[in-house]
Amino acid sequence: MKSSDSQRIWYMKGYAEGIANAIVRFGKDFEIFSSDSDYYDSVSMKLMQIGELCGGLTPEFKEETKNKLPWGAIRGMRNFFAHNYDAPVKTPFLAKSRF
């Protein structure tokens, strides 16, 4: 693994741990997630950061790990939160995700 990939993965792990901490704090209830702006903002910002970081991983690393992590879906989640500008979340896609 290249050092640039290693550094990005390290930061992604930190953001993922932040999401896990938010889930512990607020719970797994989708209604709470979708109605509590602190919860929603905390998770969405971390997902945007993870997606942004995955965009900078080397193609070789993504190819080697594509069967373990859905890089396209991770980037897509980033795009959802980055470009839907406060659009209400209609479906519990986070509850169904494998992140």
PDB file of N, CA and C in Angstrom:
ATOM      1  N   MET A   1       0.852  -1.170   0.000  1.00  0.00           N
ATOM      2  CA  MET A   1       0.000   0.000   0.000  1.00  0.00           C
ATOM      3  C   MET A   1       0.902   1.238   0.000  1.00  0.00           C
ATOM      4  N   LYS A   2       0.576   2.164  -0.861  1.00  0.00           N
ATOM      5  CA  LYS A   2       1.329   3.411  -0.919  1.00  0.00           C
ATOM      6  C   LYS A   2       1.037   4.247   0.325  1.00  0.00           C
ATOM      7  N   SER A   3       2.007   5.067   0.701  1.00  0.00           N
ATOM      8  CA  SER A   3       1.827   5.866   1.907  1.00  0.00           C
ATOM      9  C   SER A   3       0.646   6.834   1.779  1.00  0.00           C
ATOM     10  N   SER A   4       0.391   7.324   0.563  1.00  0.00           N
ATOM     11  CA  SER A   4      -0.758   8.225   0.392  1.00  0.00           C
ATOM     12  C   SER A   4      -2.069   7.489   0.655  1.00  0.00           C
ATOM     13  N   ASP A   5      -2.160   6.231   0.210  1.00  0.00           N
ATOM     14  CA  ASP A   5      -3.351   5.427   0.495  1.00  0.00           C
ATOM     15  C   ASP A   5      -3.462   5.147   1.990  1.00  0.00           C
ATOM     16  N   SER A   6      -2.345   4.813   2.590  1.00  0.00           N
ATOM     17  CA  SER A   6      -2.336   4.508   4.019  1.00  0.00           C
ATOM     18  C   SER A   6      -2.812   5.708   4.834  1.00  0.00           C
ATOM     19  N   GLN A   7      -2.347   6.886   4.479  1.00  0.00           N
ATOM     20  CA  GLN A   7      -2.757   8.092   5.189  1.00  0.00           C
ATOM     21  C   GLN A   7      -4.254   8.345   5.012  1.00  0.00           C
ATOM     22  N   ARG A   8      -4.748   8.192   3.804  1.00  0.00           N
ATOM     23  CA  ARG A   8      -6.177   8.402   3.558  1.00  0.00           C
ATOM     24  C   ARG A   8      -7.025   7.390   4.332  1.00  0.00           C
ATOM     25  N   ILE A   9      -6.600   6.143   4.338  1.00  0.00           N
ATOM     26  CA  ILE A   9      -7.330   5.103   5.076  1.00  0.00           C
ATOM     27  C   ILE A   9      -7.341   5.430   6.564  1.00  0.00           C
ATOM     28  N   TRP A  10      -6.235   5.930   7.101  1.00  0.00           N
ATOM     29  CA  TRP A  10      -6.156   6.293   8.507  1.00  0.00           C
ATOM     30  C   TRP A  10      -7.187   7.360   8.836  1.00  0.00           C
ATOM     31  N   TYR A  11      -7.278   8.394   7.991  1.00  0.00           N
ATOM     32  CA  TYR A  11      -8.273   9.443   8.216  1.00  0.00           C
ATOM     33  C   TYR A  11      -9.698   8.901   8.051  1.00  0.00           C
ATOM     34  N   MET A  12      -9.923   8.062   7.073  1.00  0.00           N
ATOM     35  CA  MET A  12     -11.245   7.475   6.855  1.00  0.00           C
ATOM     36  C   MET A  12     -11.674   6.668   8.082  1.00  0.00           C
ATOM     37  N   LYS A  13     -10.733   5.941   8.635  1.00  0.00           N
ATOM     38  CA  LYS A  13     -11.027   5.151   9.844  1.00  0.00           C
ATOM     39  C   LYS A  13     -11.458   6.067  10.983  1.00  0.00           C
ATOM     40  N   GLY A  14     -10.790   7.180  11.147  1.00  0.00           N
ATOM     41  CA  GLY A  14     -11.167   8.127  12.192  1.00  0.00           C
ATOM     42  C   GLY A  14     -12.574   8.667  11.996  1.00  0.00           C
ATOM     43  N   TYR A  15     -12.917   9.003  10.752  1.00  0.00           N
ATOM     44  CA  TYR A  15     -14.284   9.476  10.472  1.00  0.00           C
ATOM     45  C   TYR A  15     -15.306   8.367  10.715  1.00  0.00           C
ATOM     46  N   ALA A  16     -14.978   7.138  10.344  1.00  0.00           N
ATOM     47  CA  ALA A  16     -15.892   6.013  10.576  1.00  0.00           C
ATOM     48  C   ALA A  16     -16.107   5.799  12.076  1.00  0.00           C
ATOM     49  N   GLU A  17     -15.052   5.956  12.851  1.00  0.00           N
ATOM     50  CA  GLU A  17     -15.195   5.841  14.305  1.00  0.00           C
ATOM     51  C   GLU A  17     -16.088   6.959  14.848  1.00  0.00           C
ATOM     52  N   GLY A  18     -15.984   8.141  14.259  1.00  0.00           N
ATOM     53  CA  GLY A  18     -16.861   9.236  14.657  1.00  0.00           C
ATOM     54  C   GLY A  18     -18.323   8.929  14.377  1.00  0.00           C
ATOM     55  N   ILE A  19     -18.584   8.282  13.236  1.00  0.00           N
ATOM     56  CA  ILE A  19     -19.958   7.863  12.911  1.00  0.00           C
ATOM     57  C   ILE A  19     -20.443   6.830  13.931  1.00  0.00           C
ATOM     58  N   ALA A  20     -19.586   5.875  14.253  1.00  0.00           N
ATOM     59  CA  ALA A  20     -19.959   4.865  15.251  1.00  0.00           C
ATOM     60  C   ALA A  20     -20.265   5.522  16.594  1.00  0.00           C
ATOM     61  N   ASN A  21     -19.486   6.509  16.971  1.00  0.00           N
ATOM     62  CA  ASN A  21     -19.735   7.223  18.232  1.00  0.00           C
ATOM     63  C   ASN A  21     -21.069   7.966  18.189  1.00  0.00           C
ATOM     64  N   ALA A  22     -21.391   8.554  17.044  1.00  0.00           N
ATOM     65  CA  ALA A  22     -22.677   9.241  16.911  1.00  0.00           C
ATOM     66  C   ALA A  22     -23.836   8.253  17.040  1.00  0.00           C
ATOM     67  N   ILE A  23     -23.680   7.077  16.488  1.00  0.00           N
ATOM     68  CA  ILE A  23     -24.723   6.053  16.591  1.00  0.00           C
ATOM     69  C   ILE A  23     -24.901   5.625  18.042  1.00  0.00           C
ATOM     70  N   VAL A  24     -23.792   5.474  18.758  1.00  0.00           N
ATOM     71  CA  VAL A  24     -23.882   5.130  20.180  1.00  0.00           C
ATOM     72  C   VAL A  24     -24.602   6.245  20.934  1.00  0.00           C
ATOM     73  N   ARG A  25     -24.265   7.481  20.613  1.00  0.00           N
ATOM     74  CA  ARG A  25     -24.858   8.624  21.316  1.00  0.00           C
ATOM     75  C   ARG A  25     -26.342   8.802  21.010  1.00  0.00           C
ATOM     76  N   PHE A  26     -26.706   8.726  19.729  1.00  0.00           N
ATOM     77  CA  PHE A  26     -28.071   9.051  19.315  1.00  0.00           C
ATOM     78  C   PHE A  26     -28.961   7.821  19.117  1.00  0.00           C
ATOM     79  N   GLY A  27     -28.374   6.660  18.904  1.00  0.00           N
ATOM     80  CA  GLY A  27     -29.149   5.448  18.677  1.00  0.00           C
ATOM     81  C   GLY A  27     -29.259   5.103  17.204  1.00  0.00           C
ATOM     82  N   LYS A  28     -29.880   3.982  16.926  1.00  0.00           N
ATOM     83  CA  LYS A  28     -29.990   3.476  15.557  1.00  0.00           C
ATOM     84  C   LYS A  28     -31.341   3.775  14.915  1.00  0.00           C
ATOM     85  N   ASP A  29     -32.178   4.517  15.577  1.00  0.00           N
ATOM     86  CA  ASP A  29     -33.508   4.796  15.058  1.00  0.00           C
ATOM     87  C   ASP A  29     -33.447   5.774  13.890  1.00  0.00           C
ATOM     88  N   PHE A  30     -33.965   5.363  12.749  1.00  0.00           N
ATOM     89  CA  PHE A  30     -33.917   6.214  11.559  1.00  0.00           C
ATOM     90  C   PHE A  30     -34.689   7.505  11.745  1.00  0.00           C
ATOM     91  N   GLU A  31     -35.787   7.458  12.457  1.00  0.00           N
ATOM     92  CA  GLU A  31     -36.576   8.670  12.692  1.00  0.00           C
ATOM     93  C   GLU A  31     -35.761   9.718  13.452  1.00  0.00           C
ATOM     94  N   ILE A  32     -34.981   9.263  14.411  1.00  0.00           N
ATOM     95  CA  ILE A  32     -34.127  10.199  15.148  1.00  0.00           C
ATOM     96  C   ILE A  32     -33.064  10.764  14.210  1.00  0.00           C
ATOM     97  N   PHE A  33     -32.448   9.903  13.419  1.00  0.00           N
ATOM     98  CA  PHE A  33     -31.429  10.367  12.468  1.00  0.00           C
ATOM     99  C   PHE A  33     -31.994  11.415  11.520  1.00  0.00           C
ATOM    100  N   SER A  34     -33.155  11.143  10.965  1.00  0.00           N
ATOM    101  CA  SER A  34     -33.703  12.032   9.944  1.00  0.00           C
ATOM    102  C   SER A  34     -34.292  13.318  10.525  1.00  0.00           C
ATOM    103  N   SER A  35     -34.589  13.337  11.823  1.00  0.00           N
ATOM    104  CA  SER A  35     -35.201  14.533  12.398  1.00  0.00           C
ATOM    105  C   SER A  35     -34.263  15.341  13.292  1.00  0.00           C
ATOM    106  N   ASP A  36     -33.169  14.763  13.717  1.00  0.00           N
ATOM    107  CA  ASP A  36     -32.231  15.464  14.598  1.00  0.00           C
ATOM    108  C   ASP A  36     -31.094  16.042  13.760  1.00  0.00           C
ATOM    109  N   SER A  37     -31.072  17.346  13.604  1.00  0.00           N
ATOM    110  CA  SER A  37     -30.080  17.960  12.715  1.00  0.00           C
ATOM    111  C   SER A  37     -28.648  17.750  13.204  1.00  0.00           C
ATOM    112  N   ASP A  38     -28.446  17.672  14.511  1.00  0.00           N
ATOM    113  CA  ASP A  38     -27.087  17.420  15.009  1.00  0.00           C
ATOM    114  C   ASP A  38     -26.608  16.027  14.593  1.00  0.00           C
ATOM    115  N   TYR A  39     -27.459  15.048  14.710  1.00  0.00           N
ATOM    116  CA  TYR A  39     -27.130  13.676  14.323  1.00  0.00           C
ATOM    117  C   TYR A  39     -26.899  13.607  12.813  1.00  0.00           C
ATOM    118  N   TYR A  40     -27.859  14.114  12.056  1.00  0.00           N
ATOM    119  CA  TYR A  40     -27.777  14.092  10.597  1.00  0.00           C
ATOM    120  C   TYR A  40     -26.517  14.818  10.107  1.00  0.00           C
ATOM    121  N   ASP A  41     -26.267  16.009  10.637  1.00  0.00           N
ATOM    122  CA  ASP A  41     -25.108  16.782  10.201  1.00  0.00           C
ATOM    123  C   ASP A  41     -23.798  16.095  10.561  1.00  0.00           C
ATOM    124  N   SER A  42     -23.741  15.524  11.752  1.00  0.00           N
ATOM    125  CA  SER A  42     -22.530  14.834  12.180  1.00  0.00           C
ATOM    126  C   SER A  42     -22.199  13.670  11.256  1.00  0.00           C
ATOM    127  N   VAL A  43     -23.179  12.848  10.991  1.00  0.00           N
ATOM    128  CA  VAL A  43     -22.956  11.676  10.143  1.00  0.00           C
ATOM    129  C   VAL A  43     -22.715  12.085   8.696  1.00  0.00           C
ATOM    130  N   SER A  44     -23.512  13.009   8.187  1.00  0.00           N
ATOM    131  CA  SER A  44     -23.367  13.370   6.774  1.00  0.00           C
ATOM    132  C   SER A  44     -22.025  14.027   6.501  1.00  0.00           C
ATOM    133  N   MET A  45     -21.543  14.863   7.399  1.00  0.00           N
ATOM    134  CA  MET A  45     -20.237  15.492   7.191  1.00  0.00           C
ATOM    135  C   MET A  45     -19.128  14.453   7.192  1.00  0.00           C
ATOM    136  N   LYS A  46     -19.221  13.499   8.082  1.00  0.00           N
ATOM    137  CA  LYS A  46     -18.194  12.457   8.131  1.00  0.00           C
ATOM    138  C   LYS A  46     -18.255  11.578   6.879  1.00  0.00           C
ATOM    139  N   LEU A  47     -19.455  11.287   6.406  1.00  0.00           N
ATOM    140  CA  LEU A  47     -19.577  10.514   5.169  1.00  0.00           C
ATOM    141  C   LEU A  47     -19.035  11.298   3.978  1.00  0.00           C
ATOM    142  N   MET A  48     -19.252  12.592   3.964  1.00  0.00           N
ATOM    143  CA  MET A  48     -18.692  13.406   2.883  1.00  0.00           C
ATOM    144  C   MET A  48     -17.171  13.378   2.926  1.00  0.00           C
ATOM    145  N   GLN A  49     -16.602  13.458   4.106  1.00  0.00           N
ATOM    146  CA  GLN A  49     -15.147  13.423   4.226  1.00  0.00           C
ATOM    147  C   GLN A  49     -14.595  12.071   3.779  1.00  0.00           C
ATOM    148  N   ILE A  50     -15.245  10.996   4.191  1.00  0.00           N
ATOM    149  CA  ILE A  50     -14.808   9.660   3.781  1.00  0.00           C
ATOM    150  C   ILE A  50     -14.880   9.531   2.262  1.00  0.00           C
ATOM    151  N   GLY A  51     -15.983   9.973   1.680  1.00  0.00           N
ATOM    152  CA  GLY A  51     -16.137   9.895   0.225  1.00  0.00           C
ATOM    153  C   GLY A  51     -15.118  10.733  -0.505  1.00  0.00           C
ATOM    154  N   GLU A  52     -14.815  11.902   0.027  1.00  0.00           N
ATOM    155  CA  GLU A  52     -13.807  12.765  -0.585  1.00  0.00           C
ATOM    156  C   GLU A  52     -12.436  12.098  -0.531  1.00  0.00           C
ATOM    157  N   LEU A  53     -12.118  11.510   0.609  1.00  0.00           N
ATOM    158  CA  LEU A  53     -10.836  10.826   0.751  1.00  0.00           C
ATOM    159  C   LEU A  53     -10.735   9.611  -0.162  1.00  0.00           C
ATOM    160  N   CYS A  54     -11.824   8.868  -0.316  1.00  0.00           N
ATOM    161  CA  CYS A  54     -11.751   7.674  -1.166  1.00  0.00           C
ATOM    162  C   CYS A  54     -11.533   8.058  -2.625  1.00  0.00           C
ATOM    163  N   GLY A  55     -11.973   9.259  -2.996  1.00  0.00           N
ATOM    164  CA  GLY A  55     -11.738   9.718  -4.353  1.00  0.00           C
ATOM    165  C   GLY A  55     -10.263   9.917  -4.665  1.00  0.00           C
ATOM    166  N   GLY A  56      -9.437  10.072  -3.638  1.00  0.00           N
ATOM    167  CA  GLY A  56      -8.012  10.274  -3.831  1.00  0.00           C
ATOM    168  C   GLY A  56      -7.169   9.021  -3.680  1.00  0.00           C
ATOM    169  N   LEU A  57      -7.820   7.902  -3.391  1.00  0.00           N
ATOM    170  CA  LEU A  57      -7.067   6.643  -3.311  1.00  0.00           C
ATOM    171  C   LEU A  57      -6.549   6.276  -4.703  1.00  0.00           C
ATOM    172  N   THR A  58      -5.430   5.601  -4.731  1.00  0.00           N
ATOM    173  CA  THR A  58      -4.875   5.214  -6.023  1.00  0.00           C
ATOM    174  C   THR A  58      -5.774   4.182  -6.701  1.00  0.00           C
ATOM    175  N   PRO A  59      -5.833   4.216  -8.024  1.00  0.00           N
ATOM    176  CA  PRO A  59      -6.629   3.210  -8.741  1.00  0.00           C
ATOM    177  C   PRO A  59      -6.193   1.790  -8.410  1.00  0.00           C
ATOM    178  N   GLU A  60      -4.911   1.595  -8.189  1.00  0.00           N
ATOM    179  CA  GLU A  60      -4.405   0.257  -7.861  1.00  0.00           C
ATOM    180  C   GLU A  60      -4.983  -0.235  -6.538  1.00  0.00           C
ATOM    181  N   PHE A  61      -5.022   0.640  -5.541  1.00  0.00           N
ATOM    182  CA  PHE A  61      -5.560   0.248  -4.235  1.00  0.00           C
ATOM    183  C   PHE A  61      -7.046  -0.069  -4.339  1.00  0.00           C
ATOM    184  N   LYS A  62      -7.778   0.781  -5.044  1.00  0.00           N
ATOM    185  CA  LYS A  62      -9.223   0.529  -5.189  1.00  0.00           C
ATOM    186  C   LYS A  62      -9.484  -0.768  -5.940  1.00  0.00           C
ATOM    187  N   GLU A  63      -8.677  -1.053  -6.927  1.00  0.00           N
ATOM    188  CA  GLU A  63      -8.840  -2.302  -7.684  1.00  0.00           C
ATOM    189  C   GLU A  63      -8.561  -3.507  -6.787  1.00  0.00           C
ATOM    190  N   GLU A  64      -7.512  -3.417  -5.987  1.00  0.00           N
ATOM    191  CA  GLU A  64      -7.144  -4.523  -5.094  1.00  0.00           C
ATOM    192  C   GLU A  64      -8.187  -4.779  -4.013  1.00  0.00           C
ATOM    193  N   THR A  65      -8.938  -3.756  -3.632  1.00  0.00           N
ATOM    194  CA  THR A  65      -9.864  -3.878  -2.504  1.00  0.00           C
ATOM    195  C   THR A  65     -11.332  -3.785  -2.910  1.00  0.00           C
ATOM    196  N   LYS A  66     -11.608  -3.780  -4.199  1.00  0.00           N
ATOM    197  CA  LYS A  66     -12.990  -3.571  -4.656  1.00  0.00           C
ATOM    198  C   LYS A  66     -13.951  -4.652  -4.197  1.00  0.00           C
ATOM    199  N   ASN A  67     -13.459  -5.850  -3.906  1.00  0.00           N
ATOM    200  CA  ASN A  67     -14.337  -6.916  -3.413  1.00  0.00           C
ATOM    201  C   ASN A  67     -14.606  -6.801  -1.914  1.00  0.00           C
ATOM    202  N   LYS A  68     -13.867  -5.931  -1.238  1.00  0.00           N
ATOM    203  CA  LYS A  68     -14.040  -5.749   0.201  1.00  0.00           C
ATOM    204  C   LYS A  68     -14.806  -4.483   0.540  1.00  0.00           C
ATOM    205  N   LEU A  69     -14.647  -3.452  -0.286  1.00  0.00           N
ATOM    206  CA  LEU A  69     -15.291  -2.165  -0.014  1.00  0.00           C
ATOM    207  C   LEU A  69     -15.925  -1.608  -1.283  1.00  0.00           C
ATOM    208  N   PRO A  70     -17.155  -1.132  -1.172  1.00  0.00           N
ATOM    209  CA  PRO A  70     -17.858  -0.592  -2.348  1.00  0.00           C
ATOM    210  C   PRO A  70     -17.470   0.874  -2.594  1.00  0.00           C
ATOM    211  N   TRP A  71     -16.311   1.090  -3.188  1.00  0.00           N
ATOM    212  CA  TRP A  71     -15.795   2.450  -3.356  1.00  0.00           C
ATOM    213  C   TRP A  71     -16.768   3.354  -4.106  1.00  0.00           C
ATOM    214  N   GLY A  72     -17.414   2.840  -5.130  1.00  0.00           N
ATOM    215  CA  GLY A  72     -18.376   3.652  -5.878  1.00  0.00           C
ATOM    216  C   GLY A  72     -19.551   4.080  -5.014  1.00  0.00           C
ATOM    217  N   ALA A  73     -20.047   3.188  -4.186  1.00  0.00           N
ATOM    218  CA  ALA A  73     -21.167   3.511  -3.301  1.00  0.00           C
ATOM    219  C   ALA A  73     -20.734   4.524  -2.240  1.00  0.00           C
ATOM    220  N   ILE A  74     -19.521   4.395  -1.759  1.00  0.00           N
ATOM    221  CA  ILE A  74     -19.019   5.344  -0.763  1.00  0.00           C
ATOM    222  C   ILE A  74     -18.922   6.733  -1.379  1.00  0.00           C
ATOM    223  N   ARG A  75     -18.399   6.804  -2.565  1.00  0.00           N
ATOM    224  CA  ARG A  75     -18.300   8.088  -3.272  1.00  0.00           C
ATOM    225  C   ARG A  75     -19.702   8.629  -3.580  1.00  0.00           C
ATOM    226  N   GLY A  76     -20.609   7.727  -3.944  1.00  0.00           N
ATOM    227  CA  GLY A  76     -21.986   8.134  -4.212  1.00  0.00           C
ATOM    228  C   GLY A  76     -22.677   8.702  -2.989  1.00  0.00           C
ATOM    229  N   MET A  77     -22.405   8.142  -1.818  1.00  0.00           N
ATOM    230  CA  MET A  77     -22.980   8.659  -0.580  1.00  0.00           C
ATOM    231  C   MET A  77     -22.449  10.063  -0.324  1.00  0.00           C
ATOM    232  N   ARG A  78     -21.172  10.272  -0.599  1.00  0.00           N
ATOM    233  CA  ARG A  78     -20.589  11.604  -0.463  1.00  0.00           C
ATOM    234  C   ARG A  78     -21.313  12.582  -1.379  1.00  0.00           C
ATOM    235  N   ASN A  79     -21.533  12.169  -2.605  1.00  0.00           N
ATOM    236  CA  ASN A  79     -22.202  13.048  -3.573  1.00  0.00           C
ATOM    237  C   ASN A  79     -23.636  13.354  -3.151  1.00  0.00           C
ATOM    238  N   PHE A  80     -24.310  12.377  -2.583  1.00  0.00           N
ATOM    239  CA  PHE A  80     -25.674  12.597  -2.106  1.00  0.00           C
ATOM    240  C   PHE A  80     -25.699  13.719  -1.072  1.00  0.00           C
ATOM    241  N   PHE A  81     -24.865  13.598  -0.055  1.00  0.00           N
ATOM    242  CA  PHE A  81     -24.867  14.597   1.002  1.00  0.00           C
ATOM    243  C   PHE A  81     -24.295  15.934   0.529  1.00  0.00           C
ATOM    244  N   ALA A  82     -23.342  15.895  -0.371  1.00  0.00           N
ATOM    245  CA  ALA A  82     -22.703  17.136  -0.821  1.00  0.00           C
ATOM    246  C   ALA A  82     -23.580  17.937  -1.774  1.00  0.00           C
ATOM    247  N   HIS A  83     -24.437  17.281  -2.534  1.00  0.00           N
ATOM    248  CA  HIS A  83     -25.150  17.982  -3.597  1.00  0.00           C
ATOM    249  C   HIS A  83     -26.663  18.054  -3.434  1.00  0.00           C
ATOM    250  N   ASN A  84     -27.197  17.485  -2.378  1.00  0.00           N
ATOM    251  CA  ASN A  84     -28.642  17.544  -2.191  1.00  0.00           C
ATOM    252  C   ASN A  84     -29.073  18.649  -1.244  1.00  0.00           C
ATOM    253  N   TYR A  85     -28.135  19.430  -0.732  1.00  0.00           N
ATOM    254  CA  TYR A  85     -28.409  20.665  -0.012  1.00  0.00           C
ATOM    255  C   TYR A  85     -29.679  20.633   0.837  1.00  0.00           C
ATOM    256  N   ASP A  86     -29.601  19.971   1.938  1.00  0.00           N
ATOM    257  CA  ASP A  86     -30.704  19.912   2.901  1.00  0.00           C
ATOM    258  C   ASP A  86     -31.947  19.206   2.387  1.00  0.00           C
ATOM    259  N   ALA A  87     -31.812  18.425   1.331  1.00  0.00           N
ATOM    260  CA  ALA A  87     -32.956  17.637   0.869  1.00  0.00           C
ATOM    261  C   ALA A  87     -33.316  16.649   1.975  1.00  0.00           C
ATOM    262  N   PRO A  88     -34.578  16.534   2.300  1.00  0.00           N
ATOM    263  CA  PRO A  88     -34.956  15.591   3.357  1.00  0.00           C
ATOM    264  C   PRO A  88     -34.657  14.155   2.948  1.00  0.00           C
ATOM    265  N   VAL A  89     -34.227  13.399   3.905  1.00  0.00           N
ATOM    266  CA  VAL A  89     -33.951  11.986   3.668  1.00  0.00           C
ATOM    267  C   VAL A  89     -35.277  11.250   3.709  1.00  0.00           C
ATOM    268  N   LYS A  90     -35.626  10.599   2.623  1.00  0.00           N
ATOM    269  CA  LYS A  90     -36.924   9.934   2.522  1.00  0.00           C
ATOM    270  C   LYS A  90     -36.864   8.455   2.855  1.00  0.00           C
ATOM    271  N   THR A  91     -35.728   7.831   2.663  1.00  0.00           N
ATOM    272  CA  THR A  91     -35.626   6.393   2.898  1.00  0.00           C
ATOM    273  C   THR A  91     -34.480   6.099   3.849  1.00  0.00           C
ATOM    274  N   PRO A  92     -34.609   5.062   4.625  1.00  0.00           N
ATOM    275  CA  PRO A  92     -33.546   4.731   5.581  1.00  0.00           C
ATOM    276  C   PRO A  92     -32.367   4.006   4.926  1.00  0.00           C
ATOM    277  N   PHE A  93     -31.731   4.648   3.950  1.00  0.00           N
ATOM    278  CA  PHE A  93     -30.642   3.992   3.225  1.00  0.00           C
ATOM    279  C   PHE A  93     -29.439   3.760   4.126  1.00  0.00           C
ATOM    280  N   LEU A  94     -29.204   4.593   5.119  1.00  0.00           N
ATOM    281  CA  LEU A  94     -28.069   4.366   6.002  1.00  0.00           C
ATOM    282  C   LEU A  94     -28.251   3.095   6.827  1.00  0.00           C
ATOM    283  N   ALA A  95     -29.476   2.833   7.227  1.00  0.00           N
ATOM    284  CA  ALA A  95     -29.741   1.627   8.005  1.00  0.00           C
ATOM    285  C   ALA A  95     -29.496   0.376   7.166  1.00  0.00           C
ATOM    286  N   LYS A  96     -29.643   0.504   5.853  1.00  0.00           N
ATOM    287  CA  LYS A  96     -29.461  -0.638   4.967  1.00  0.00           C
ATOM    288  C   LYS A  96     -28.041  -0.749   4.428  1.00  0.00           C
ATOM    289  N   SER A  97     -27.221   0.274   4.652  1.00  0.00           N
ATOM    290  CA  SER A  97     -25.879   0.292   4.081  1.00  0.00           C
ATOM    291  C   SER A  97     -24.979  -0.712   4.759  1.00  0.00           C
ATOM    292  N   ARG A  98     -23.889  -1.016   4.093  1.00  0.00           N
ATOM    293  CA  ARG A  98     -22.925  -1.971   4.628  1.00  0.00           C
ATOM    294  C   ARG A  98     -21.635  -1.262   5.017  1.00  0.00           C
ATOM    295  N   PHE A  99     -21.694   0.019   5.280  1.00  0.00           N
ATOM    296  CA  PHE A  99     -20.484   0.780   5.621  1.00  0.00           C
ATOM    297  C   PHE A  99     -20.083   0.515   7.038  1.00  0.00           C
TER     298      PHE A  99
END
